[in-house]
């Protein structure tokens, strides 16, 4: 997904599984984008994780009383146990990868 965040700036957002992280080069010391999770990243992470749970992946939280994969995915994200990361591709082609525990989550 691509989104304009300023008049002349565009960012591509993608949810990735933690198993894909070693293939991506990242510079942890100097990230250029915000540590705040956007509503688009939030929605994409929850949707992708709900799909994984629907397809048979084991939830990483206690699901007592929860039946819907979407509810489970939301709780996993807020408890920061979701096995996904956010990959941001900048206009210059560089890639920044954030683990969920490195990001601030707003109440969406």
N, C-alpha and C. Protein backbone atom coordinates (compact mmCIF):
# COMPACT_ATOMS: atom_id res chain seq x y z
N UNK A 1 0.83 -1.17 0.00
CA UNK A 1 0.00 0.00 0.00
C UNK A 1 0.88 1.23 0.00
N UNK A 2 0.48 2.23 -0.74
CA UNK A 2 1.21 3.49 -0.75
C UNK A 2 0.30 4.60 -0.26
N UNK A 3 0.85 5.49 0.55
CA UNK A 3 0.10 6.60 1.10
C UNK A 3 0.93 7.86 1.01
N UNK A 4 0.28 8.98 0.72
CA UNK A 4 0.96 10.26 0.78
C UNK A 4 0.89 10.76 2.20
N UNK A 5 2.05 11.13 2.75
CA UNK A 5 2.07 11.66 4.11
C UNK A 5 2.41 13.14 4.12
N UNK A 6 2.77 13.67 3.00
CA UNK A 6 3.03 15.10 2.85
C UNK A 6 2.87 15.42 1.36
N UNK A 7 2.94 16.66 1.02
CA UNK A 7 2.75 17.06 -0.38
C UNK A 7 3.74 16.38 -1.31
N UNK A 8 4.97 16.22 -0.89
CA UNK A 8 5.99 15.66 -1.77
C UNK A 8 6.59 14.37 -1.23
N UNK A 9 5.95 13.75 -0.26
CA UNK A 9 6.50 12.57 0.36
C UNK A 9 5.48 11.43 0.31
N UNK A 10 5.94 10.27 -0.06
CA UNK A 10 5.07 9.10 -0.16
C UNK A 10 5.77 7.96 0.56
N UNK A 11 5.00 7.10 1.20
CA UNK A 11 5.57 5.98 1.94
C UNK A 11 4.79 4.72 1.61
N UNK A 12 5.47 3.62 1.46
CA UNK A 12 4.82 2.34 1.21
C UNK A 12 4.84 1.54 2.50
N UNK A 13 3.71 0.98 2.87
CA UNK A 13 3.56 0.26 4.13
C UNK A 13 3.23 -1.20 3.83
N UNK A 14 3.86 -2.10 4.58
CA UNK A 14 3.62 -3.52 4.37
C UNK A 14 3.80 -4.26 5.68
N UNK A 15 2.91 -5.18 5.98
CA UNK A 15 3.06 -6.04 7.16
C UNK A 15 3.85 -7.26 6.74
N UNK A 16 4.85 -7.63 7.52
CA UNK A 16 5.67 -8.78 7.19
C UNK A 16 5.76 -9.70 8.39
N UNK A 17 5.98 -10.98 8.12
CA UNK A 17 6.15 -11.94 9.20
C UNK A 17 7.56 -11.84 9.75
N UNK A 18 7.72 -12.17 11.01
CA UNK A 18 9.03 -12.09 11.64
C UNK A 18 10.04 -13.01 10.97
N UNK A 19 9.60 -14.08 10.34
CA UNK A 19 10.53 -15.00 9.68
C UNK A 19 11.17 -14.37 8.45
N UNK A 20 10.59 -13.30 7.93
CA UNK A 20 11.13 -12.63 6.75
C UNK A 20 12.17 -11.57 7.10
N UNK A 21 12.33 -11.24 8.36
CA UNK A 21 13.20 -10.14 8.77
C UNK A 21 14.66 -10.29 8.37
N UNK A 22 15.30 -11.46 8.47
CA UNK A 22 16.72 -11.53 8.13
C UNK A 22 17.04 -11.14 6.69
N UNK A 23 16.09 -11.24 5.78
CA UNK A 23 16.33 -10.91 4.39
C UNK A 23 16.37 -9.41 4.14
N UNK A 24 15.93 -8.61 5.09
CA UNK A 24 15.80 -7.18 4.89
C UNK A 24 16.92 -6.45 5.61
N UNK A 25 17.59 -5.57 4.88
CA UNK A 25 18.62 -4.75 5.51
C UNK A 25 17.95 -3.59 6.20
N UNK A 26 18.39 -3.31 7.41
CA UNK A 26 17.80 -2.20 8.14
C UNK A 26 18.87 -1.48 8.94
N UNK A 27 18.65 -0.23 9.17
CA UNK A 27 19.57 0.59 9.95
C UNK A 27 18.84 0.98 11.23
N UNK A 28 19.08 0.23 12.32
CA UNK A 28 18.34 0.45 13.55
C UNK A 28 18.71 1.76 14.23
N UNK A 29 19.91 2.23 14.00
CA UNK A 29 20.35 3.40 14.74
C UNK A 29 19.74 4.71 14.22
N UNK A 30 19.38 4.77 12.96
CA UNK A 30 18.90 6.04 12.41
C UNK A 30 17.66 5.82 11.54
N UNK A 31 16.52 5.72 12.17
CA UNK A 31 15.27 5.60 11.41
C UNK A 31 14.77 6.99 11.08
N UNK A 32 14.24 7.15 9.88
CA UNK A 32 13.80 8.46 9.43
C UNK A 32 12.31 8.70 9.66
N UNK A 33 11.53 7.64 9.77
CA UNK A 33 10.09 7.80 9.93
C UNK A 33 9.71 7.71 11.41
N UNK A 34 8.49 8.07 11.69
CA UNK A 34 7.97 8.13 13.05
C UNK A 34 7.81 6.74 13.66
N UNK A 35 7.93 6.67 14.98
CA UNK A 35 7.70 5.41 15.68
C UNK A 35 6.22 5.19 15.96
N UNK A 36 5.39 6.15 15.60
CA UNK A 36 3.94 6.01 15.79
C UNK A 36 3.36 5.15 14.68
N UNK A 37 2.59 4.14 15.08
CA UNK A 37 1.92 3.27 14.11
C UNK A 37 0.75 4.03 13.50
N UNK A 38 0.66 4.03 12.18
CA UNK A 38 -0.45 4.70 11.52
C UNK A 38 -1.69 3.83 11.58
N UNK A 39 -2.83 4.44 11.32
CA UNK A 39 -4.07 3.66 11.32
C UNK A 39 -4.07 2.64 10.19
N UNK A 40 -3.33 2.91 9.13
CA UNK A 40 -3.24 1.98 8.01
C UNK A 40 -2.40 0.76 8.38
N UNK A 41 -1.30 0.99 9.07
CA UNK A 41 -0.45 -0.10 9.54
C UNK A 41 -1.20 -0.94 10.56
N UNK A 42 -1.89 -0.28 11.47
CA UNK A 42 -2.68 -0.95 12.50
C UNK A 42 -3.71 -1.88 11.85
N UNK A 43 -4.44 -1.35 10.90
CA UNK A 43 -5.47 -2.12 10.21
C UNK A 43 -4.87 -3.27 9.42
N UNK A 44 -3.77 -3.01 8.75
CA UNK A 44 -3.14 -4.06 7.95
C UNK A 44 -2.59 -5.18 8.82
N UNK A 45 -1.96 -4.83 9.94
CA UNK A 45 -1.45 -5.86 10.85
C UNK A 45 -2.57 -6.73 11.40
N UNK A 46 -3.64 -6.10 11.83
CA UNK A 46 -4.77 -6.85 12.39
C UNK A 46 -5.41 -7.75 11.33
N UNK A 47 -5.61 -7.20 10.14
CA UNK A 47 -6.21 -7.99 9.07
C UNK A 47 -5.36 -9.17 8.67
N UNK A 48 -4.06 -8.94 8.54
CA UNK A 48 -3.15 -10.03 8.14
C UNK A 48 -3.08 -11.10 9.21
N UNK A 49 -3.01 -10.67 10.48
CA UNK A 49 -2.94 -11.63 11.58
C UNK A 49 -4.24 -12.41 11.71
N UNK A 50 -5.39 -11.75 11.54
CA UNK A 50 -6.68 -12.44 11.60
C UNK A 50 -6.76 -13.50 10.50
N UNK A 51 -6.22 -13.18 9.33
CA UNK A 51 -6.20 -14.15 8.23
C UNK A 51 -5.34 -15.36 8.61
N UNK A 52 -4.17 -15.11 9.22
CA UNK A 52 -3.31 -16.21 9.66
C UNK A 52 -4.03 -17.11 10.66
N UNK A 53 -4.72 -16.50 11.61
CA UNK A 53 -5.45 -17.27 12.63
C UNK A 53 -6.57 -18.07 11.98
N UNK A 54 -7.27 -17.46 11.04
CA UNK A 54 -8.34 -18.16 10.32
C UNK A 54 -7.81 -19.37 9.57
N UNK A 55 -6.59 -19.24 9.05
CA UNK A 55 -5.98 -20.34 8.28
C UNK A 55 -5.31 -21.38 9.16
N UNK A 56 -5.41 -21.24 10.49
CA UNK A 56 -4.95 -22.29 11.38
C UNK A 56 -3.74 -21.98 12.23
N UNK A 57 -3.20 -20.77 12.16
CA UNK A 57 -2.06 -20.43 13.01
C UNK A 57 -2.51 -20.36 14.47
N UNK A 58 -1.65 -20.76 15.37
CA UNK A 58 -1.97 -20.80 16.78
C UNK A 58 -1.93 -19.40 17.38
N UNK A 59 -2.99 -18.99 18.08
CA UNK A 59 -2.98 -17.69 18.76
C UNK A 59 -1.91 -17.65 19.84
N UNK A 60 -1.35 -16.49 20.06
CA UNK A 60 -0.28 -16.32 21.03
C UNK A 60 -0.77 -15.73 22.36
N UNK A 61 -2.09 -15.70 22.54
CA UNK A 61 -2.68 -15.23 23.79
C UNK A 61 -3.72 -16.24 24.25
N UNK A 62 -4.20 -16.05 25.47
CA UNK A 62 -5.30 -16.88 25.98
C UNK A 62 -6.58 -16.42 25.30
N UNK A 63 -7.22 -17.31 24.56
CA UNK A 63 -8.40 -16.95 23.78
C UNK A 63 -9.70 -17.30 24.50
N UNK A 64 -9.64 -17.47 25.78
CA UNK A 64 -10.85 -17.82 26.55
C UNK A 64 -11.89 -16.72 26.37
N UNK A 65 -13.05 -17.09 25.86
CA UNK A 65 -14.14 -16.14 25.66
C UNK A 65 -14.10 -15.43 24.32
N UNK A 66 -13.05 -15.64 23.53
CA UNK A 66 -12.94 -14.99 22.22
C UNK A 66 -13.07 -16.04 21.13
N UNK A 67 -13.95 -15.78 20.20
CA UNK A 67 -14.15 -16.71 19.09
C UNK A 67 -13.71 -16.12 17.75
N UNK A 68 -13.79 -14.83 17.62
CA UNK A 68 -13.50 -14.19 16.34
C UNK A 68 -12.00 -13.96 16.16
N UNK A 69 -11.45 -14.37 15.00
CA UNK A 69 -10.02 -14.13 14.73
C UNK A 69 -9.64 -12.65 14.79
N UNK A 70 -10.56 -11.78 14.42
CA UNK A 70 -10.28 -10.35 14.46
C UNK A 70 -10.07 -9.86 15.89
N UNK A 71 -10.89 -10.34 16.83
CA UNK A 71 -10.74 -9.97 18.24
C UNK A 71 -9.42 -10.49 18.80
N UNK A 72 -9.05 -11.70 18.41
CA UNK A 72 -7.80 -12.30 18.87
C UNK A 72 -6.61 -11.49 18.34
N UNK A 73 -6.68 -11.11 17.06
CA UNK A 73 -5.59 -10.33 16.44
C UNK A 73 -5.44 -8.97 17.12
N UNK A 74 -6.54 -8.33 17.44
CA UNK A 74 -6.49 -7.02 18.12
C UNK A 74 -5.83 -7.17 19.49
N UNK A 75 -6.21 -8.20 20.24
CA UNK A 75 -5.63 -8.41 21.56
C UNK A 75 -4.14 -8.75 21.46
N UNK A 76 -3.76 -9.55 20.46
CA UNK A 76 -2.34 -9.86 20.26
C UNK A 76 -1.54 -8.59 19.98
N UNK A 77 -2.09 -7.71 19.18
CA UNK A 77 -1.39 -6.47 18.85
C UNK A 77 -1.24 -5.59 20.09
N UNK A 78 -2.30 -5.44 20.86
CA UNK A 78 -2.24 -4.58 22.04
C UNK A 78 -1.40 -5.17 23.16
N UNK A 79 -1.26 -6.50 23.18
CA UNK A 79 -0.38 -7.13 24.17
C UNK A 79 1.04 -7.29 23.63
N UNK A 80 1.26 -6.82 22.42
CA UNK A 80 2.55 -6.82 21.74
C UNK A 80 3.16 -8.22 21.64
N UNK A 81 2.34 -9.19 21.27
CA UNK A 81 2.83 -10.54 21.02
C UNK A 81 2.55 -10.97 19.58
N UNK A 82 2.08 -10.05 18.77
CA UNK A 82 1.77 -10.35 17.38
C UNK A 82 3.07 -10.64 16.63
N UNK A 83 3.13 -11.72 15.86
CA UNK A 83 4.39 -12.11 15.21
C UNK A 83 4.63 -11.41 13.87
N UNK A 84 4.34 -10.15 13.80
CA UNK A 84 4.48 -9.39 12.56
C UNK A 84 5.29 -8.13 12.81
N UNK A 85 5.82 -7.58 11.75
CA UNK A 85 6.55 -6.32 11.81
C UNK A 85 6.04 -5.40 10.72
N UNK A 86 6.39 -4.14 10.80
CA UNK A 86 5.98 -3.16 9.80
C UNK A 86 7.20 -2.80 8.96
N UNK A 87 7.04 -2.92 7.65
CA UNK A 87 8.12 -2.55 6.73
C UNK A 87 7.69 -1.29 5.99
N UNK A 88 8.50 -0.26 6.08
CA UNK A 88 8.22 0.99 5.39
C UNK A 88 9.28 1.20 4.31
N UNK A 89 8.83 1.34 3.07
CA UNK A 89 9.73 1.62 1.97
C UNK A 89 9.66 3.11 1.66
N UNK A 90 10.79 3.77 1.75
CA UNK A 90 10.86 5.20 1.51
C UNK A 90 11.03 5.50 0.02
N UNK A 91 10.86 6.74 -0.35
CA UNK A 91 10.97 7.13 -1.75
C UNK A 91 12.33 6.86 -2.34
N UNK A 92 13.37 6.95 -1.54
CA UNK A 92 14.72 6.73 -2.05
C UNK A 92 15.06 5.25 -2.17
N UNK A 93 14.09 4.37 -1.89
CA UNK A 93 14.29 2.93 -2.03
C UNK A 93 14.76 2.24 -0.77
N UNK A 94 15.13 3.00 0.24
CA UNK A 94 15.57 2.39 1.50
C UNK A 94 14.37 1.83 2.25
N UNK A 95 14.65 0.85 3.08
CA UNK A 95 13.59 0.15 3.82
C UNK A 95 13.84 0.30 5.31
N UNK A 96 12.79 0.60 6.05
CA UNK A 96 12.84 0.61 7.50
C UNK A 96 11.88 -0.46 8.02
N UNK A 97 12.36 -1.26 8.97
CA UNK A 97 11.54 -2.31 9.56
C UNK A 97 11.39 -2.02 11.04
N UNK A 98 10.16 -2.02 11.50
CA UNK A 98 9.86 -1.80 12.92
C UNK A 98 9.19 -3.05 13.47
N UNK A 99 9.69 -3.56 14.58
CA UNK A 99 8.95 -4.57 15.33
C UNK A 99 7.83 -3.83 16.05
N UNK A 100 6.77 -4.52 16.35
CA UNK A 100 5.63 -3.89 17.02
C UNK A 100 6.05 -3.34 18.38
N UNK A 101 6.98 -4.01 19.06
CA UNK A 101 7.41 -3.52 20.38
C UNK A 101 8.24 -2.24 20.29
N UNK A 102 8.67 -1.84 19.11
CA UNK A 102 9.40 -0.59 18.92
C UNK A 102 8.47 0.58 18.61
N UNK A 103 7.19 0.29 18.41
CA UNK A 103 6.25 1.32 17.95
C UNK A 103 5.27 1.72 19.04
N UNK A 104 4.79 2.94 18.93
CA UNK A 104 3.71 3.42 19.80
C UNK A 104 2.39 3.20 19.08
N UNK A 105 1.44 2.62 19.78
CA UNK A 105 0.14 2.31 19.18
C UNK A 105 -0.90 3.26 19.75
N UNK A 106 -1.59 3.95 18.87
CA UNK A 106 -2.70 4.82 19.30
C UNK A 106 -3.93 3.95 19.50
N UNK A 107 -4.91 4.47 20.17
CA UNK A 107 -6.19 3.74 20.32
C UNK A 107 -7.01 3.96 19.05
N UNK A 108 -6.98 2.98 18.17
CA UNK A 108 -7.71 3.10 16.90
C UNK A 108 -9.06 2.47 17.04
